[in-house]
Amino acid sequence: MIVHPAEKEVFPIEIEPIIKQDGEQKNDCERNAAKRLCEKLKTSYPKLPILLVEDALYSNAPHLRQIVENGWKYILNVKPDSHKSLFKEFEERRQAGEIKELRRTAENGNGQYFAWAKEMSLNESAREIKVNYLWYEETNGKGEVCRWTWITNLELTAMTVEKVMKGGRARWKIENETFNTLKNQGYNERT
């Protein structure tokens, strides 16, 4: 999908179904379909500057290698349970005063907290893959905190963290505007 943080609409450009491949007994998986989709994108749009925005399922070494080999940028969600060493390294850097932070108030009055670090190891088994890590918290007027975390190969600075955060959060537009519409408006029903 093509998505922009400031726009409601999303536009599909390619699909790759998760189906039973020739000679296989069971359906494929999302990661294999993503690999094929990346190959299609590279072939169909060789000059398009691609920025992939994906959920935590795709924050793995083989997929990151494919993205980087294609010369693309990425913003990928990460979660503490699946990226324990990354979160541990970030916390160690925080304790050592080796992260950058930015606190401010958003236009809607919510508190914003950005924290980031550069050149972190993706995980224990792929220490050579270095990523930039962004932690974002938003606190509403009731004191409720929402937190998001991403890895990226985009530069993280006080001037760029908001754009990267908005890019990462734009992934939900794909879920809300596309997948939910397909599921809830009858497009998934067979006739």
N, C-alpha and C. Protein backbone atom coordinates (compact mmCIF):
# COMPACT_ATOMS: atom_id res chain seq x y z
N MET A 1 0.84 -1.18 0.00
CA MET A 1 0.00 0.00 0.00
C MET A 1 0.88 1.24 0.00
N ILE A 2 0.38 2.26 -0.61
CA ILE A 2 1.01 3.57 -0.46
C ILE A 2 0.23 4.28 0.63
N VAL A 3 0.93 4.80 1.62
CA VAL A 3 0.30 5.48 2.74
C VAL A 3 1.11 6.72 3.07
N HIS A 4 0.40 7.76 3.52
CA HIS A 4 1.06 8.99 3.95
C HIS A 4 0.46 9.37 5.30
N PRO A 5 1.30 9.75 6.27
CA PRO A 5 0.77 10.06 7.60
C PRO A 5 -0.29 11.15 7.63
N ALA A 6 -0.24 12.09 6.71
CA ALA A 6 -1.18 13.21 6.73
C ALA A 6 -2.44 12.96 5.91
N GLU A 7 -2.54 11.82 5.26
CA GLU A 7 -3.69 11.52 4.41
C GLU A 7 -4.45 10.31 4.93
N LYS A 8 -5.76 10.30 4.76
CA LYS A 8 -6.59 9.19 5.21
C LYS A 8 -6.52 8.00 4.26
N GLU A 9 -6.44 8.26 2.97
CA GLU A 9 -6.51 7.21 1.97
C GLU A 9 -5.21 6.41 1.91
N VAL A 10 -5.37 5.13 1.56
CA VAL A 10 -4.23 4.27 1.25
C VAL A 10 -4.50 3.66 -0.12
N PHE A 11 -3.44 3.41 -0.86
CA PHE A 11 -3.60 2.89 -2.22
C PHE A 11 -2.77 1.63 -2.40
N PRO A 12 -3.42 0.53 -2.80
CA PRO A 12 -2.67 -0.70 -3.05
C PRO A 12 -1.88 -0.59 -4.36
N ILE A 13 -0.64 -1.10 -4.34
CA ILE A 13 0.15 -1.12 -5.58
C ILE A 13 0.57 -2.53 -5.97
N GLU A 14 0.71 -3.42 -5.02
CA GLU A 14 1.06 -4.81 -5.30
C GLU A 14 0.45 -5.69 -4.22
N ILE A 15 0.21 -6.94 -4.55
CA ILE A 15 -0.23 -7.90 -3.55
C ILE A 15 0.58 -9.18 -3.73
N GLU A 16 0.66 -9.93 -2.67
CA GLU A 16 1.27 -11.26 -2.74
C GLU A 16 0.48 -12.16 -1.81
N PRO A 17 -0.33 -13.04 -2.37
CA PRO A 17 -1.19 -13.87 -1.53
C PRO A 17 -0.40 -14.90 -0.73
N ILE A 18 -0.97 -15.26 0.40
CA ILE A 18 -0.43 -16.34 1.21
C ILE A 18 -1.23 -17.57 0.82
N ILE A 19 -0.62 -18.40 -0.03
CA ILE A 19 -1.32 -19.56 -0.57
C ILE A 19 -0.40 -20.77 -0.55
N LYS A 20 -0.98 -21.90 -0.84
CA LYS A 20 -0.21 -23.12 -0.94
C LYS A 20 0.66 -23.04 -2.20
N GLN A 21 1.95 -23.17 -2.05
CA GLN A 21 2.87 -23.12 -3.17
C GLN A 21 2.91 -24.49 -3.86
N ASP A 22 3.30 -24.52 -5.12
CA ASP A 22 3.37 -25.78 -5.87
C ASP A 22 4.20 -26.81 -5.11
N GLY A 23 3.65 -28.01 -4.97
CA GLY A 23 4.35 -29.11 -4.33
C GLY A 23 4.30 -29.10 -2.81
N GLU A 24 3.68 -28.09 -2.21
CA GLU A 24 3.61 -28.00 -0.75
C GLU A 24 2.28 -28.55 -0.25
N GLN A 25 2.27 -29.02 0.98
CA GLN A 25 1.06 -29.59 1.57
C GLN A 25 0.24 -28.57 2.35
N LYS A 26 0.88 -27.49 2.80
CA LYS A 26 0.15 -26.51 3.60
C LYS A 26 0.38 -25.10 3.06
N ASN A 27 -0.44 -24.16 3.54
CA ASN A 27 -0.32 -22.78 3.10
C ASN A 27 1.03 -22.18 3.47
N ASP A 28 1.40 -21.20 2.74
CA ASP A 28 2.62 -20.43 2.94
C ASP A 28 2.50 -19.61 4.22
N CYS A 29 3.50 -18.79 4.51
CA CYS A 29 3.43 -17.91 5.68
C CYS A 29 3.64 -16.46 5.25
N GLU A 30 3.32 -15.53 6.15
CA GLU A 30 3.44 -14.11 5.84
C GLU A 30 4.87 -13.71 5.51
N ARG A 31 5.83 -14.27 6.20
CA ARG A 31 7.23 -13.90 5.95
C ARG A 31 7.69 -14.32 4.55
N ASN A 32 7.30 -15.52 4.11
CA ASN A 32 7.67 -15.94 2.76
C ASN A 32 6.95 -15.09 1.71
N ALA A 33 5.69 -14.76 1.97
CA ALA A 33 4.96 -13.90 1.04
C ALA A 33 5.61 -12.52 0.97
N ALA A 34 6.09 -12.01 2.11
CA ALA A 34 6.76 -10.70 2.12
C ALA A 34 8.04 -10.74 1.29
N LYS A 35 8.76 -11.84 1.38
CA LYS A 35 9.98 -11.98 0.58
C LYS A 35 9.66 -11.91 -0.92
N ARG A 36 8.61 -12.63 -1.32
CA ARG A 36 8.20 -12.60 -2.73
C ARG A 36 7.70 -11.21 -3.12
N LEU A 37 6.95 -10.57 -2.22
CA LEU A 37 6.44 -9.24 -2.50
C LEU A 37 7.59 -8.25 -2.71
N CYS A 38 8.61 -8.33 -1.89
CA CYS A 38 9.77 -7.44 -2.06
C CYS A 38 10.44 -7.67 -3.40
N GLU A 39 10.53 -8.92 -3.83
CA GLU A 39 11.10 -9.22 -5.14
C GLU A 39 10.25 -8.60 -6.25
N LYS A 40 8.91 -8.67 -6.11
CA LYS A 40 8.01 -8.06 -7.10
C LYS A 40 8.17 -6.54 -7.13
N LEU A 41 8.24 -5.93 -5.94
CA LEU A 41 8.39 -4.48 -5.88
C LEU A 41 9.69 -4.03 -6.54
N LYS A 42 10.75 -4.75 -6.27
CA LYS A 42 12.05 -4.39 -6.85
C LYS A 42 12.02 -4.48 -8.37
N THR A 43 11.35 -5.51 -8.89
CA THR A 43 11.24 -5.70 -10.34
C THR A 43 10.29 -4.68 -10.97
N SER A 44 9.14 -4.48 -10.33
CA SER A 44 8.11 -3.59 -10.91
C SER A 44 8.45 -2.10 -10.76
N TYR A 45 9.15 -1.74 -9.69
CA TYR A 45 9.43 -0.33 -9.40
C TYR A 45 10.92 -0.14 -9.07
N PRO A 46 11.80 -0.44 -10.01
CA PRO A 46 13.24 -0.42 -9.70
C PRO A 46 13.78 0.96 -9.31
N LYS A 47 13.13 2.03 -9.73
CA LYS A 47 13.64 3.37 -9.42
C LYS A 47 12.84 4.08 -8.34
N LEU A 48 11.80 3.45 -7.84
CA LEU A 48 10.97 4.06 -6.82
C LEU A 48 11.70 4.04 -5.47
N PRO A 49 11.84 5.20 -4.82
CA PRO A 49 12.47 5.21 -3.50
C PRO A 49 11.46 4.67 -2.46
N ILE A 50 11.67 3.45 -2.02
CA ILE A 50 10.71 2.77 -1.16
C ILE A 50 11.08 2.92 0.31
N LEU A 51 10.06 3.21 1.10
CA LEU A 51 10.17 3.23 2.56
C LEU A 51 9.12 2.23 3.06
N LEU A 52 9.57 1.08 3.57
CA LEU A 52 8.66 0.07 4.07
C LEU A 52 8.29 0.37 5.51
N VAL A 53 7.00 0.29 5.81
CA VAL A 53 6.48 0.47 7.16
C VAL A 53 5.73 -0.81 7.47
N GLU A 54 6.27 -1.58 8.45
CA GLU A 54 5.71 -2.90 8.71
C GLU A 54 5.63 -3.17 10.21
N ASP A 55 4.87 -4.22 10.55
CA ASP A 55 4.74 -4.57 11.96
C ASP A 55 5.92 -5.43 12.42
N ALA A 56 5.88 -5.81 13.70
CA ALA A 56 7.03 -6.48 14.33
C ALA A 56 7.35 -7.85 13.74
N LEU A 57 6.41 -8.48 13.08
CA LEU A 57 6.66 -9.77 12.45
C LEU A 57 7.83 -9.69 11.46
N TYR A 58 8.03 -8.53 10.87
CA TYR A 58 9.03 -8.38 9.82
C TYR A 58 10.36 -7.81 10.32
N SER A 59 10.48 -7.59 11.61
CA SER A 59 11.73 -7.07 12.19
C SER A 59 12.68 -8.21 12.47
N ASN A 60 13.10 -8.89 11.40
CA ASN A 60 14.00 -10.02 11.53
C ASN A 60 15.16 -9.88 10.55
N ALA A 61 16.24 -10.56 10.83
CA ALA A 61 17.48 -10.39 10.06
C ALA A 61 17.32 -10.69 8.56
N PRO A 62 16.73 -11.81 8.16
CA PRO A 62 16.62 -12.05 6.72
C PRO A 62 15.85 -10.95 5.98
N HIS A 63 14.77 -10.48 6.57
CA HIS A 63 13.97 -9.44 5.91
C HIS A 63 14.74 -8.12 5.86
N LEU A 64 15.40 -7.76 6.95
CA LEU A 64 16.19 -6.52 6.95
C LEU A 64 17.31 -6.58 5.92
N ARG A 65 17.94 -7.73 5.79
CA ARG A 65 19.00 -7.87 4.77
C ARG A 65 18.43 -7.63 3.38
N GLN A 66 17.24 -8.19 3.10
CA GLN A 66 16.62 -8.00 1.79
C GLN A 66 16.29 -6.53 1.56
N ILE A 67 15.76 -5.86 2.55
CA ILE A 67 15.42 -4.44 2.43
C ILE A 67 16.67 -3.62 2.11
N VAL A 68 17.72 -3.84 2.87
CA VAL A 68 18.95 -3.07 2.70
C VAL A 68 19.61 -3.39 1.36
N GLU A 69 19.61 -4.67 0.97
CA GLU A 69 20.18 -5.04 -0.34
C GLU A 69 19.44 -4.35 -1.47
N ASN A 70 18.15 -4.10 -1.31
CA ASN A 70 17.36 -3.40 -2.33
C ASN A 70 17.56 -1.89 -2.29
N GLY A 71 18.29 -1.40 -1.28
CA GLY A 71 18.54 0.03 -1.18
C GLY A 71 17.36 0.81 -0.62
N TRP A 72 16.47 0.15 0.10
CA TRP A 72 15.27 0.77 0.62
C TRP A 72 15.46 1.25 2.05
N LYS A 73 14.55 2.08 2.48
CA LYS A 73 14.47 2.55 3.87
C LYS A 73 13.36 1.77 4.56
N TYR A 74 13.36 1.78 5.88
CA TYR A 74 12.34 1.06 6.61
C TYR A 74 12.05 1.71 7.96
N ILE A 75 10.82 1.51 8.42
CA ILE A 75 10.39 1.80 9.79
C ILE A 75 9.59 0.56 10.19
N LEU A 76 10.14 -0.23 11.10
CA LEU A 76 9.51 -1.48 11.50
C LEU A 76 9.23 -1.48 13.00
N ASN A 77 8.04 -1.88 13.34
CA ASN A 77 7.68 -1.98 14.75
C ASN A 77 8.50 -3.08 15.41
N VAL A 78 8.84 -2.89 16.68
CA VAL A 78 9.49 -3.93 17.48
C VAL A 78 8.77 -4.02 18.82
N LYS A 79 8.81 -5.21 19.41
CA LYS A 79 8.14 -5.45 20.68
C LYS A 79 9.11 -6.07 21.68
N PRO A 80 8.92 -5.77 22.95
CA PRO A 80 9.85 -6.28 23.97
C PRO A 80 9.97 -7.80 24.00
N ASP A 81 8.87 -8.52 23.78
CA ASP A 81 8.92 -9.97 23.86
C ASP A 81 9.74 -10.61 22.74
N SER A 82 9.69 -10.03 21.55
CA SER A 82 10.39 -10.62 20.42
C SER A 82 11.76 -10.00 20.16
N HIS A 83 12.09 -8.94 20.86
CA HIS A 83 13.38 -8.26 20.66
C HIS A 83 14.01 -7.93 22.01
N LYS A 84 14.13 -8.94 22.85
CA LYS A 84 14.60 -8.75 24.22
C LYS A 84 15.97 -8.11 24.30
N SER A 85 16.92 -8.58 23.48
CA SER A 85 18.28 -8.03 23.57
C SER A 85 18.32 -6.58 23.10
N LEU A 86 17.50 -6.22 22.13
CA LEU A 86 17.43 -4.84 21.65
C LEU A 86 16.91 -3.92 22.76
N PHE A 87 15.84 -4.33 23.42
CA PHE A 87 15.28 -3.52 24.51
C PHE A 87 16.25 -3.45 25.69
N LYS A 88 16.96 -4.55 25.95
CA LYS A 88 17.95 -4.56 27.03
C LYS A 88 19.09 -3.59 26.71
N GLU A 89 19.59 -3.64 25.47
CA GLU A 89 20.67 -2.73 25.07
C GLU A 89 20.22 -1.28 25.17
N PHE A 90 18.99 -1.00 24.77
CA PHE A 90 18.49 0.37 24.86
C PHE A 90 18.43 0.83 26.31
N GLU A 91 17.93 -0.04 27.20
CA GLU A 91 17.85 0.33 28.61
C GLU A 91 19.24 0.53 29.21
N GLU A 92 20.21 -0.29 28.81
CA GLU A 92 21.59 -0.11 29.28
C GLU A 92 22.15 1.23 28.82
N ARG A 93 21.87 1.58 27.58
CA ARG A 93 22.32 2.87 27.07
C ARG A 93 21.61 4.02 27.80
N ARG A 94 20.33 3.84 28.10
CA ARG A 94 19.59 4.87 28.83
C ARG A 94 20.23 5.08 30.20
N GLN A 95 20.54 4.00 30.90
CA GLN A 95 21.15 4.09 32.22
C GLN A 95 22.52 4.76 32.17
N ALA A 96 23.22 4.56 31.06
CA ALA A 96 24.56 5.14 30.89
C ALA A 96 24.50 6.57 30.34
N GLY A 97 23.29 7.08 30.08
CA GLY A 97 23.14 8.43 29.54
C GLY A 97 23.55 8.54 28.08
N GLU A 98 23.42 7.43 27.33
CA GLU A 98 23.88 7.39 25.95
C GLU A 98 22.74 7.42 24.93
N ILE A 99 21.58 7.88 25.34
CA ILE A 99 20.49 8.04 24.38
C ILE A 99 20.12 9.51 24.29
N LYS A 100 19.44 9.85 23.24
CA LYS A 100 18.93 11.21 23.05
C LYS A 100 17.46 11.21 23.44
N GLU A 101 17.00 12.33 23.99
CA GLU A 101 15.61 12.44 24.42
C GLU A 101 15.03 13.79 24.02
N LEU A 102 13.72 13.79 23.82
CA LEU A 102 13.00 15.02 23.52
C LEU A 102 11.63 14.92 24.17
N ARG A 103 11.29 15.93 24.97
CA ARG A 103 9.97 16.01 25.59
C ARG A 103 9.31 17.30 25.11
N ARG A 104 8.00 17.19 24.80
CA ARG A 104 7.27 18.38 24.40
C ARG A 104 5.78 18.12 24.48
N THR A 105 4.99 19.15 24.21
CA THR A 105 3.54 19.03 24.22
C THR A 105 3.04 19.11 22.78
N ALA A 106 2.21 18.17 22.40
CA ALA A 106 1.65 18.14 21.05
C ALA A 106 0.56 19.20 20.93
N GLU A 107 0.14 19.48 19.70
CA GLU A 107 -0.91 20.47 19.45
C GLU A 107 -2.21 20.13 20.17
N ASN A 108 -2.48 18.83 20.37
CA ASN A 108 -3.72 18.42 21.05
C ASN A 108 -3.58 18.45 22.57
N GLY A 109 -2.44 18.89 23.08
CA GLY A 109 -2.22 18.99 24.51
C GLY A 109 -1.60 17.75 25.15
N ASN A 110 -1.47 16.67 24.40
CA ASN A 110 -0.86 15.46 24.93
C ASN A 110 0.65 15.64 25.09
N GLY A 111 1.19 15.03 26.13
CA GLY A 111 2.63 15.04 26.33
C GLY A 111 3.30 14.05 25.39
N GLN A 112 4.42 14.43 24.84
CA GLN A 112 5.17 13.56 23.94
C GLN A 112 6.56 13.34 24.51
N TYR A 113 7.02 12.09 24.44
CA TYR A 113 8.37 11.74 24.86
C TYR A 113 9.00 10.87 23.79
N PHE A 114 10.09 11.35 23.24
CA PHE A 114 10.86 10.61 22.24
C PHE A 114 12.20 10.25 22.87
N ALA A 115 12.65 9.02 22.65
CA ALA A 115 13.99 8.61 23.07
C ALA A 115 14.55 7.75 21.94
N TRP A 116 15.82 7.94 21.61
CA TRP A 116 16.36 7.19 20.49
C TRP A 116 17.86 6.93 20.67
N ALA A 117 18.29 5.91 19.94
CA ALA A 117 19.70 5.52 19.94
C ALA A 117 20.05 5.01 18.54
N LYS A 118 21.29 5.18 18.19
CA LYS A 118 21.75 4.78 16.86
C LYS A 118 22.65 3.55 16.95
N GLU A 119 22.73 2.84 15.84
CA GLU A 119 23.67 1.73 15.70
C GLU A 119 23.53 0.67 16.80
N MET A 120 22.32 0.21 17.00
CA MET A 120 22.07 -0.86 17.97
C MET A 120 22.00 -2.20 17.23
N SER A 121 22.38 -3.28 17.91
CA SER A 121 22.31 -4.61 17.32
C SER A 121 20.86 -5.08 17.29
N LEU A 122 20.44 -5.63 16.16
CA LEU A 122 19.07 -6.11 16.02
C LEU A 122 18.74 -7.15 17.09
N ASN A 123 19.60 -8.13 17.23
CA ASN A 123 19.39 -9.18 18.24
C ASN A 123 20.69 -9.93 18.48
N GLU A 124 20.66 -10.89 19.38
CA GLU A 124 21.87 -11.64 19.74
C GLU A 124 22.42 -12.45 18.57
N SER A 125 21.55 -12.99 17.74
CA SER A 125 22.02 -13.84 16.64
C SER A 125 22.39 -13.06 15.39
N ALA A 126 22.07 -11.77 15.35
CA ALA A 126 22.41 -10.93 14.19
C ALA A 126 23.00 -9.62 14.69
N ARG A 127 24.04 -9.72 15.49
CA ARG A 127 24.66 -8.53 16.08
C ARG A 127 25.25 -7.60 15.03
N GLU A 128 25.57 -8.15 13.86
CA GLU A 128 26.17 -7.32 12.80
C GLU A 128 25.15 -6.39 12.14
N ILE A 129 23.88 -6.68 12.31
CA ILE A 129 22.84 -5.82 11.73
C ILE A 129 22.57 -4.69 12.71
N LYS A 130 22.93 -3.50 12.30
CA LYS A 130 22.78 -2.32 13.15
C LYS A 130 21.54 -1.54 12.73
N VAL A 131 20.79 -1.12 13.73
CA VAL A 131 19.54 -0.39 13.49
C VAL A 131 19.50 0.84 14.38
N ASN A 132 18.72 1.81 13.97
CA ASN A 132 18.40 2.95 14.82
C ASN A 132 17.08 2.63 15.50
N TYR A 133 16.98 2.99 16.76
CA TYR A 133 15.84 2.59 17.59
C TYR A 133 15.12 3.84 18.09
N LEU A 134 13.78 3.85 17.96
CA LEU A 134 12.98 4.97 18.42
C LEU A 134 11.91 4.49 19.38
N TRP A 135 11.85 5.13 20.54
CA TRP A 135 10.85 4.88 21.59
C TRP A 135 9.98 6.13 21.64
N TYR A 136 8.67 5.96 21.61
CA TYR A 136 7.77 7.10 21.67
C TYR A 136 6.65 6.83 22.66
N GLU A 137 6.39 7.79 23.53
CA GLU A 137 5.28 7.72 24.47
C GLU A 137 4.42 8.96 24.31
N GLU A 138 3.11 8.75 24.42
CA GLU A 138 2.18 9.87 24.38
C GLU A 138 1.28 9.76 25.61
N THR A 139 1.20 10.86 26.37
CA THR A 139 0.42 10.89 27.60
C THR A 139 -0.74 11.85 27.43
N ASN A 140 -1.97 11.34 27.63
CA ASN A 140 -3.13 12.21 27.47
C ASN A 140 -3.43 12.96 28.77
N GLY A 141 -4.47 13.78 28.75
CA GLY A 141 -4.83 14.60 29.89
C GLY A 141 -5.23 13.81 31.14
N LYS A 142 -5.59 12.55 30.98
CA LYS A 142 -5.95 11.69 32.10
C LYS A 142 -4.73 10.97 32.67
N GLY A 143 -3.57 11.22 32.07
CA GLY A 143 -2.36 10.54 32.54
C GLY A 143 -2.15 9.17 31.94
N GLU A 144 -2.97 8.77 30.97
CA GLU A 144 -2.83 7.48 30.31
C GLU A 144 -1.69 7.55 29.28
N VAL A 145 -0.83 6.55 29.32
CA VAL A 145 0.35 6.53 28.46
C VAL A 145 0.21 5.43 27.41
N CYS A 146 0.46 5.79 26.15
CA CYS A 146 0.56 4.82 25.07
C CYS A 146 2.01 4.84 24.59
N ARG A 147 2.54 3.66 24.26
CA ARG A 147 3.95 3.56 23.88
C ARG A 147 4.08 2.79 22.56
N TRP A 148 4.98 3.25 21.72
CA TRP A 148 5.32 2.58 20.46
C TRP A 148 6.83 2.54 20.33
N THR A 149 7.33 1.50 19.69
CA THR A 149 8.78 1.37 19.46
C THR A 149 9.03 0.86 18.05
N TRP A 150 10.06 1.42 17.42
CA TRP A 150 10.40 1.04 16.05
C TRP A 150 11.91 0.93 15.88
N ILE A 151 12.29 0.21 14.83
CA ILE A 151 13.66 0.27 14.33
C ILE A 151 13.60 0.87 12.94
N THR A 152 14.68 1.51 12.54
CA THR A 152 14.71 2.18 11.24
C THR A 152 16.14 2.33 10.77
N ASN A 153 16.30 2.58 9.49
CA ASN A 153 17.61 2.98 8.96
C ASN A 153 17.58 4.46 8.55
N LEU A 154 16.52 5.15 8.93
CA LEU A 154 16.45 6.60 8.75
C LEU A 154 17.26 7.27 9.86
N GLU A 155 17.77 8.45 9.57
CA GLU A 155 18.51 9.19 10.58
C GLU A 155 17.55 9.69 11.66
N LEU A 156 17.94 9.51 12.90
CA LEU A 156 17.14 9.98 14.03
C LEU A 156 17.83 11.16 14.69
N THR A 157 17.13 12.29 14.67
CA THR A 157 17.60 13.51 15.33
C THR A 157 16.39 14.19 15.96
N ALA A 158 16.60 15.23 16.73
CA ALA A 158 15.48 15.98 17.31
C ALA A 158 14.57 16.53 16.20
N MET A 159 15.13 16.75 15.02
CA MET A 159 14.34 17.29 13.90
C MET A 159 13.59 16.21 13.12
N THR A 160 13.98 14.93 13.26
CA THR A 160 13.37 13.88 12.45
C THR A 160 12.50 12.89 13.21
N VAL A 161 12.63 12.83 14.53
CA VAL A 161 11.92 11.76 15.27
C VAL A 161 10.41 11.85 15.12
N GLU A 162 9.85 13.04 15.05
CA GLU A 162 8.40 13.14 14.89
C GLU A 162 7.95 12.59 13.54
N LYS A 163 8.69 12.88 12.48
CA LYS A 163 8.34 12.36 11.16
C LYS A 163 8.43 10.84 11.13
N VAL A 164 9.47 10.30 11.74
CA VAL A 164 9.63 8.84 11.78
C VAL A 164 8.49 8.22 12.58
N MET A 165 8.14 8.82 13.72
CA MET A 165 7.03 8.33 14.53
C MET A 165 5.74 8.34 13.73
N LYS A 166 5.47 9.42 13.05
CA LYS A 166 4.24 9.51 12.26
C LYS A 166 4.24 8.48 11.13
N GLY A 167 5.41 8.26 10.54
CA GLY A 167 5.53 7.22 9.51
C GLY A 167 5.24 5.84 10.08
N GLY A 168 5.79 5.55 11.25
CA GLY A 168 5.56 4.27 11.89
C GLY A 168 4.10 4.06 12.26
N ARG A 169 3.48 5.10 12.76
CA ARG A 169 2.07 4.99 13.16
C ARG A 169 1.14 4.95 11.94
N ALA A 170 1.59 5.42 10.79
CA ALA A 170 0.76 5.39 9.58
C ALA A 170 0.45 3.97 9.14
N ARG A 171 1.22 3.00 9.61
CA ARG A 171 0.95 1.61 9.26
C ARG A 171 -0.47 1.21 9.67
N TRP A 172 -0.97 1.80 10.74
CA TRP A 172 -2.32 1.46 11.18
C TRP A 172 -3.38 1.90 10.18
N LYS A 173 -3.06 2.87 9.34
CA LYS A 173 -4.01 3.27 8.31
C LYS A 173 -4.23 2.11 7.34
N ILE A 174 -3.18 1.35 7.08
CA ILE A 174 -3.32 0.19 6.21
C ILE A 174 -4.29 -0.80 6.85
N GLU A 175 -4.11 -1.06 8.14
CA GLU A 175 -5.02 -1.96 8.85
C GLU A 175 -6.44 -1.41 8.84
N ASN A 176 -6.60 -0.16 9.23
CA ASN A 176 -7.94 0.41 9.41
C ASN A 176 -8.64 0.71 8.11
N GLU A 177 -7.94 1.28 7.16
CA GLU A 177 -8.57 1.72 5.92
C GLU A 177 -8.67 0.63 4.86
N THR A 178 -7.85 -0.40 4.97
CA THR A 178 -7.85 -1.42 3.94
C THR A 178 -8.36 -2.75 4.47
N PHE A 179 -7.60 -3.37 5.36
CA PHE A 179 -7.94 -4.70 5.82
C PHE A 179 -9.29 -4.74 6.53
N ASN A 180 -9.53 -3.78 7.41
CA ASN A 180 -10.81 -3.77 8.12
C ASN A 180 -11.97 -3.53 7.17
N THR A 181 -11.76 -2.68 6.17
CA THR A 181 -12.81 -2.45 5.17
C THR A 181 -13.11 -3.74 4.42
N LEU A 182 -12.07 -4.43 4.01
CA LEU A 182 -12.27 -5.68 3.28
C LEU A 182 -13.02 -6.71 4.14
N LYS A 183 -12.65 -6.79 5.42
CA LYS A 183 -13.28 -7.75 6.32
C LYS A 183 -14.71 -7.37 6.68
N ASN A 184 -14.94 -6.08 6.93
CA ASN A 184 -16.21 -5.65 7.50
C ASN A 184 -17.23 -5.15 6.50
N GLN A 185 -16.86 -4.99 5.26
CA GLN A 185 -17.80 -4.50 4.24
C GLN A 185 -18.23 -5.60 3.28
N GLY A 186 -17.97 -6.85 3.66
CA GLY A 186 -18.46 -7.97 2.86
C GLY A 186 -17.54 -8.44 1.76
N TYR A 187 -16.36 -7.85 1.63
CA TYR A 187 -15.46 -8.25 0.55
C TYR A 187 -14.86 -9.62 0.77
N ASN A 188 -14.91 -10.12 1.99
CA ASN A 188 -14.35 -11.42 2.29
C ASN A 188 -15.35 -12.56 2.11
N GLU A 189 -16.60 -12.22 1.79
CA GLU A 189 -17.63 -13.25 1.64
C GLU A 189 -17.56 -13.86 0.26
N ARG A 190 -17.74 -15.16 0.23
CA ARG A 190 -17.77 -15.86 -1.06
C ARG A 190 -19.18 -15.91 -1.58
N THR A 191 -19.32 -15.76 -2.87
CA THR A 191 -20.66 -15.81 -3.46
C THR A 191 -20.89 -17.10 -4.20
